[in-house]
Amino acid sequence: MSNNSNKMMIKAIEDTFGSIYAASQKLDVDYSTLYRWKQGTQFPNIKTIEKIMKDNPGLNQLVKDYTS
C-alpha cells in the first residue's frame, strides 16, 4: 500500500469514527497499529484492509471520495 493510500484510509477512519482511538475500539484493531499506520512506520496488510472495508462499507466510499 502506498503512503498516500495509507493516509487516505487513516483520514477516512478518523472522519468516520472521530479518532484512531475510537476506531481501534470499533474495528477491533490495536490503537498502536492504527497509530503506526498514521505515522507511516507500518503499513496495513491487505487482509486487514479487506476486513475493515467489508465490516464498514461506508469507509470504502469515503476513501473513493478522497481520491476524486
Protein backbone atom coordinates (compact mmCIF):
# COMPACT_ATOMS: atom_id res chain seq x y z
CA MET A 1 0.00 0.00 0.00
CA SER A 2 1.39 3.38 -0.92
CA ASN A 3 1.92 6.04 1.71
CA ASN A 4 -0.70 8.24 0.02
CA SER A 5 -3.30 5.44 0.06
CA ASN A 6 -2.46 4.75 3.67
CA LYS A 7 -3.03 8.42 4.59
CA MET A 8 -6.39 8.46 2.79
CA MET A 9 -7.51 5.34 4.60
CA ILE A 10 -6.49 6.73 8.00
CA LYS A 11 -8.26 10.02 7.20
CA ALA A 12 -11.42 8.09 6.29
CA ILE A 13 -11.15 6.07 9.51
CA GLU A 14 -10.68 9.22 11.62
CA ASP A 15 -13.52 11.03 9.85
CA THR A 16 -15.83 8.05 10.34
CA PHE A 17 -15.03 7.24 13.96
CA GLY A 18 -13.79 10.60 15.23
CA SER A 19 -10.31 9.42 16.22
CA ILE A 20 -7.99 6.49 15.75
CA TYR A 21 -8.58 5.57 19.39
CA ALA A 22 -12.35 5.29 18.86
CA ALA A 23 -11.74 3.47 15.59
CA SER A 24 -9.46 0.96 17.27
CA GLN A 25 -12.25 0.02 19.63
CA LYS A 26 -14.92 -0.23 16.92
CA LEU A 27 -12.71 -2.00 14.38
CA ASP A 28 -11.10 -4.39 16.88
CA VAL A 29 -7.64 -3.22 15.80
CA ASP A 30 -5.00 -2.22 18.34
CA TYR A 31 -4.65 1.53 18.79
CA SER A 32 -0.88 1.21 18.38
CA THR A 33 -1.41 -0.43 14.99
CA LEU A 34 -3.59 2.40 13.71
CA TYR A 35 -1.15 4.93 15.17
CA ARG A 36 1.77 3.31 13.30
CA TRP A 37 -0.30 3.38 10.10
CA LYS A 38 -0.97 7.07 10.65
CA GLN A 39 2.70 7.81 11.32
CA GLY A 40 3.77 5.80 8.26
CA THR A 41 6.03 3.50 10.26
CA GLN A 42 3.90 0.48 9.41
CA PHE A 43 1.50 -0.27 6.58
CA PRO A 44 -1.62 -2.41 6.79
CA ASN A 45 -1.67 -5.76 5.08
CA ILE A 46 -4.35 -6.48 2.50
CA LYS A 47 -6.27 -8.91 4.73
CA THR A 48 -6.67 -6.26 7.43
CA ILE A 49 -7.83 -3.69 4.88
CA GLU A 50 -10.31 -6.14 3.37
CA LYS A 51 -11.75 -6.95 6.80
CA ILE A 52 -12.10 -3.28 7.76
CA MET A 53 -13.72 -2.35 4.43
CA LYS A 54 -16.04 -5.37 4.48
CA ASP A 55 -17.22 -4.61 8.01
CA ASN A 56 -17.55 -0.87 7.28
CA PRO A 57 -18.75 -0.29 3.70
CA GLY A 58 -19.04 3.47 4.26
CA LEU A 59 -15.25 3.69 4.60
CA ASN A 60 -14.79 2.32 1.10
CA GLN A 61 -16.91 5.12 -0.37
CA LEU A 62 -15.17 7.74 1.76
CA VAL A 63 -11.75 6.61 0.54
CA LYS A 64 -13.03 6.75 -3.05
CA ASP A 65 -14.35 10.27 -2.43
CA TYR A 66 -10.91 11.38 -1.16
CA THR A 67 -9.23 10.13 -4.32
CA SER A 68 -11.62 12.02 -6.61
